[in-house]
């Protein structure tokens, strides 16, 4: 499989995951519901929502930056370099999913839905496949 296709799939998944972070700025009801899902209970107070919006904006811009990085990697024509970058992106996606896996297993903190964790791990597996068998 071509590495650029793997990168496009990864980039789209990252963008879709960060879209949720921008919804808190569109609707206060969505922000309330998202806060309740994240914390397991309904939160109140302007400071709490300010913290939520700050976190979500950082997450959104971080995701956008990762997307731009992934699209920039598509310009690399050297097979060895492209494969190494697939390895690094695959490890990044594993570490991105790791806190949610730990929190899901231990039950100590809120985590993403299982489907989101599985999507992250699937993309990580695809990137690791690109590391071993990807073509330019």
C-alpha atoms as a PDB file:
ATOM      1  CA  UNK A   1       0.000   0.000   0.000  1.00  0.00           C
ATOM      2  CA  UNK A   2       1.233   3.487  -0.773  1.00  0.00           C
ATOM      3  CA  UNK A   3       2.331   5.482   2.230  1.00  0.00           C
ATOM      4  CA  UNK A   4       0.531   8.581   0.981  1.00  0.00           C
ATOM      5  CA  UNK A   5      -2.803   6.718   1.205  1.00  0.00           C
ATOM      6  CA  UNK A   6      -1.968   5.614   4.732  1.00  0.00           C
ATOM      7  CA  UNK A   7      -1.130   9.229   5.609  1.00  0.00           C
ATOM      8  CA  UNK A   8      -4.388  10.500   4.107  1.00  0.00           C
ATOM      9  CA  UNK A   9      -6.391   7.984   6.146  1.00  0.00           C
ATOM     10  CA  UNK A  10      -4.477   8.964   9.285  1.00  0.00           C
ATOM     11  CA  UNK A  11      -4.929  12.674   8.587  1.00  0.00           C
ATOM     12  CA  UNK A  12      -8.661  12.352   8.037  1.00  0.00           C
ATOM     13  CA  UNK A  13      -9.081  10.326  11.244  1.00  0.00           C
ATOM     14  CA  UNK A  14      -7.122  12.945  13.217  1.00  0.00           C
ATOM     15  CA  UNK A  15      -9.213  15.756  11.713  1.00  0.00           C
ATOM     16  CA  UNK A  16     -12.483  13.973  12.472  1.00  0.00           C
ATOM     17  CA  UNK A  17     -11.417  13.405  16.066  1.00  0.00           C
ATOM     18  CA  UNK A  18     -10.538  17.063  16.533  1.00  0.00           C
ATOM     19  CA  UNK A  19     -13.816  18.296  15.033  1.00  0.00           C
ATOM     20  CA  UNK A  20     -15.559  17.431  18.284  1.00  0.00           C
ATOM     21  CA  UNK A  21     -13.326  19.890  20.119  1.00  0.00           C
ATOM     22  CA  UNK A  22     -14.630  22.797  18.035  1.00  0.00           C
ATOM     23  CA  UNK A  23     -18.288  22.045  18.768  1.00  0.00           C
ATOM     24  CA  UNK A  24     -18.007  23.464  22.300  1.00  0.00           C
ATOM     25  CA  UNK A  25     -17.655  26.914  20.730  1.00  0.00           C
ATOM     26  CA  UNK A  26     -20.762  26.494  18.580  1.00  0.00           C
ATOM     27  CA  UNK A  27     -23.324  25.417  21.160  1.00  0.00           C
ATOM     28  CA  UNK A  28     -23.438  25.788  24.947  1.00  0.00           C
ATOM     29  CA  UNK A  29     -25.640  22.680  25.098  1.00  0.00           C
ATOM     30  CA  UNK A  30     -22.958  20.640  23.358  1.00  0.00           C
ATOM     31  CA  UNK A  31     -20.375  22.010  25.788  1.00  0.00           C
ATOM     32  CA  UNK A  32     -22.541  20.977  28.744  1.00  0.00           C
ATOM     33  CA  UNK A  33     -23.118  17.506  27.329  1.00  0.00           C
ATOM     34  CA  UNK A  34     -19.440  17.031  26.466  1.00  0.00           C
ATOM     35  CA  UNK A  35     -18.386  18.131  29.947  1.00  0.00           C
ATOM     36  CA  UNK A  36     -20.843  15.679  31.495  1.00  0.00           C
ATOM     37  CA  UNK A  37     -19.506  12.847  29.319  1.00  0.00           C
ATOM     38  CA  UNK A  38     -15.898  13.707  30.105  1.00  0.00           C
ATOM     39  CA  UNK A  39     -16.347  14.103  33.850  1.00  0.00           C
ATOM     40  CA  UNK A  40     -19.106  11.594  34.449  1.00  0.00           C
ATOM     41  CA  UNK A  41     -21.270  14.285  36.028  1.00  0.00           C
ATOM     42  CA  UNK A  42     -22.653  17.651  35.099  1.00  0.00           C
ATOM     43  CA  UNK A  43     -20.360  20.562  35.841  1.00  0.00           C
ATOM     44  CA  UNK A  44     -21.391  24.126  36.395  1.00  0.00           C
ATOM     45  CA  UNK A  45     -19.768  27.492  36.676  1.00  0.00           C
ATOM     46  CA  UNK A  46     -18.125  29.807  34.219  1.00  0.00           C
ATOM     47  CA  UNK A  47     -14.610  28.824  35.291  1.00  0.00           C
ATOM     48  CA  UNK A  48     -15.261  25.148  34.579  1.00  0.00           C
ATOM     49  CA  UNK A  49     -16.494  25.906  31.068  1.00  0.00           C
ATOM     50  CA  UNK A  50     -13.590  28.272  30.492  1.00  0.00           C
ATOM     51  CA  UNK A  51     -11.194  25.446  31.357  1.00  0.00           C
ATOM     52  CA  UNK A  52     -13.125  23.070  29.081  1.00  0.00           C
ATOM     53  CA  UNK A  53     -13.032  25.514  26.175  1.00  0.00           C
ATOM     54  CA  UNK A  54      -9.325  26.172  26.709  1.00  0.00           C
ATOM     55  CA  UNK A  55      -8.568  22.452  26.702  1.00  0.00           C
ATOM     56  CA  UNK A  56     -10.707  21.882  23.626  1.00  0.00           C
ATOM     57  CA  UNK A  57      -9.098  24.733  21.697  1.00  0.00           C
ATOM     58  CA  UNK A  58      -5.611  23.408  22.493  1.00  0.00           C
ATOM     59  CA  UNK A  59      -6.684  19.915  21.435  1.00  0.00           C
ATOM     60  CA  UNK A  60      -8.246  21.276  18.238  1.00  0.00           C
ATOM     61  CA  UNK A  61      -5.191  23.267  17.206  1.00  0.00           C
ATOM     62  CA  UNK A  62      -2.914  20.373  18.143  1.00  0.00           C
ATOM     63  CA  UNK A  63      -4.939  18.057  15.908  1.00  0.00           C
ATOM     64  CA  UNK A  64      -4.830  20.578  13.083  1.00  0.00           C
ATOM     65  CA  UNK A  65      -1.055  20.825  13.469  1.00  0.00           C
ATOM     66  CA  UNK A  66      -0.681  17.037  13.355  1.00  0.00           C
ATOM     67  CA  UNK A  67      -2.844  16.976  10.210  1.00  0.00           C
ATOM     68  CA  UNK A  68      -0.610  19.563   8.522  1.00  0.00           C
ATOM     69  CA  UNK A  69       2.465  17.566   9.555  1.00  0.00           C
ATOM     70  CA  UNK A  70       1.011  14.360   8.106  1.00  0.00           C
ATOM     71  CA  UNK A  71       0.126  16.079   4.836  1.00  0.00           C
ATOM     72  CA  UNK A  72       3.650  17.517   4.657  1.00  0.00           C
ATOM     73  CA  UNK A  73       5.093  14.041   5.058  1.00  0.00           C
ATOM     74  CA  UNK A  74       3.299  13.046   1.843  1.00  0.00           C
ATOM     75  CA  UNK A  75       5.835  15.157  -0.069  1.00  0.00           C
ATOM     76  CA  UNK A  76       8.705  12.830   0.921  1.00  0.00           C
ATOM     77  CA  UNK A  77       9.773  10.627  -1.990  1.00  0.00           C
ATOM     78  CA  UNK A  78      12.542   8.639  -0.271  1.00  0.00           C
ATOM     79  CA  UNK A  79      11.145   5.213   0.683  1.00  0.00           C
ATOM     80  CA  UNK A  80      13.337   4.679   3.746  1.00  0.00           C
ATOM     81  CA  UNK A  81      12.520   8.105   5.185  1.00  0.00           C
ATOM     82  CA  UNK A  82       8.802   7.693   4.503  1.00  0.00           C
ATOM     83  CA  UNK A  83       8.809   4.297   6.213  1.00  0.00           C
ATOM     84  CA  UNK A  84      10.620   5.674   9.264  1.00  0.00           C
ATOM     85  CA  UNK A  85       8.100   8.492   9.531  1.00  0.00           C
ATOM     86  CA  UNK A  86       5.299   5.897   9.380  1.00  0.00           C
ATOM     87  CA  UNK A  87       6.928   4.215  12.373  1.00  0.00           C
ATOM     88  CA  UNK A  88       7.091   7.500  14.290  1.00  0.00           C
ATOM     89  CA  UNK A  89       3.490   8.413  13.430  1.00  0.00           C
ATOM     90  CA  UNK A  90       2.354   4.907  14.394  1.00  0.00           C
ATOM     91  CA  UNK A  91       4.048   5.229  17.765  1.00  0.00           C
ATOM     92  CA  UNK A  92       2.496   8.685  18.164  1.00  0.00           C
ATOM     93  CA  UNK A  93      -0.977   7.250  17.558  1.00  0.00           C
ATOM     94  CA  UNK A  94      -0.324   4.446  20.068  1.00  0.00           C
ATOM     95  CA  UNK A  95       0.773   6.959  22.704  1.00  0.00           C
ATOM     96  CA  UNK A  96      -2.236   9.102  21.777  1.00  0.00           C
ATOM     97  CA  UNK A  97      -4.553   6.174  22.605  1.00  0.00           C
ATOM     98  CA  UNK A  98      -2.577   4.867  25.595  1.00  0.00           C
ATOM     99  CA  UNK A  99      -4.042   7.141  28.327  1.00  0.00           C
ATOM    100  CA  UNK A 100      -7.560   6.191  27.262  1.00  0.00           C
ATOM    101  CA  UNK A 101      -6.660   2.496  27.339  1.00  0.00           C
ATOM    102  CA  UNK A 102      -5.153   2.825  30.816  1.00  0.00           C
ATOM    103  CA  UNK A 103      -8.161   4.772  32.122  1.00  0.00           C
ATOM    104  CA  UNK A 104     -10.589   2.307  30.551  1.00  0.00           C
ATOM    105  CA  UNK A 105      -8.826  -0.690  32.109  1.00  0.00           C
ATOM    106  CA  UNK A 106      -8.346   0.865  35.544  1.00  0.00           C
ATOM    107  CA  UNK A 107     -11.668   2.690  35.595  1.00  0.00           C
ATOM    108  CA  UNK A 108     -10.057   5.614  37.413  1.00  0.00           C
ATOM    109  CA  UNK A 109     -10.622   8.495  34.993  1.00  0.00           C
ATOM    110  CA  UNK A 110     -12.967   9.250  32.103  1.00  0.00           C
ATOM    111  CA  UNK A 111     -11.843   8.060  28.674  1.00  0.00           C
ATOM    112  CA  UNK A 112     -12.871   8.177  25.035  1.00  0.00           C
ATOM    113  CA  UNK A 113     -15.491   5.743  23.800  1.00  0.00           C
ATOM    114  CA  UNK A 114     -14.090   2.321  22.965  1.00  0.00           C
ATOM    115  CA  UNK A 115     -14.775   2.845  19.255  1.00  0.00           C
ATOM    116  CA  UNK A 116     -12.500   5.915  19.209  1.00  0.00           C
ATOM    117  CA  UNK A 117      -9.746   3.950  20.952  1.00  0.00           C
ATOM    118  CA  UNK A 118     -10.101   1.132  18.418  1.00  0.00           C
ATOM    119  CA  UNK A 119      -9.982   3.591  15.519  1.00  0.00           C
ATOM    120  CA  UNK A 120      -6.753   5.084  16.911  1.00  0.00           C
ATOM    121  CA  UNK A 121      -5.212   1.641  17.289  1.00  0.00           C
ATOM    122  CA  UNK A 122      -6.348   0.625  13.785  1.00  0.00           C
ATOM    123  CA  UNK A 123      -4.706   3.709  12.312  1.00  0.00           C
ATOM    124  CA  UNK A 124      -1.571   2.962  14.351  1.00  0.00           C
ATOM    125  CA  UNK A 125      -1.561  -0.566  12.935  1.00  0.00           C
ATOM    126  CA  UNK A 126      -1.949   0.808   9.419  1.00  0.00           C
ATOM    127  CA  UNK A 127       0.986   3.159   9.983  1.00  0.00           C
ATOM    128  CA  UNK A 128       3.107   0.320  11.345  1.00  0.00           C
ATOM    129  CA  UNK A 129       2.166  -1.683   8.247  1.00  0.00           C
ATOM    130  CA  UNK A 130       3.390   1.268   6.161  1.00  0.00           C
ATOM    131  CA  UNK A 131       6.632   1.179   8.117  1.00  0.00           C
ATOM    132  CA  UNK A 132       7.267  -2.428   7.119  1.00  0.00           C
ATOM    133  CA  UNK A 133       5.579  -2.821   3.728  1.00  0.00           C
ATOM    134  CA  UNK A 134       4.681   0.670   2.513  1.00  0.00           C
ATOM    135  CA  UNK A 135       5.681   2.000  -0.898  1.00  0.00           C
ATOM    136  CA  UNK A 136       6.181   5.550  -2.080  1.00  0.00           C
END
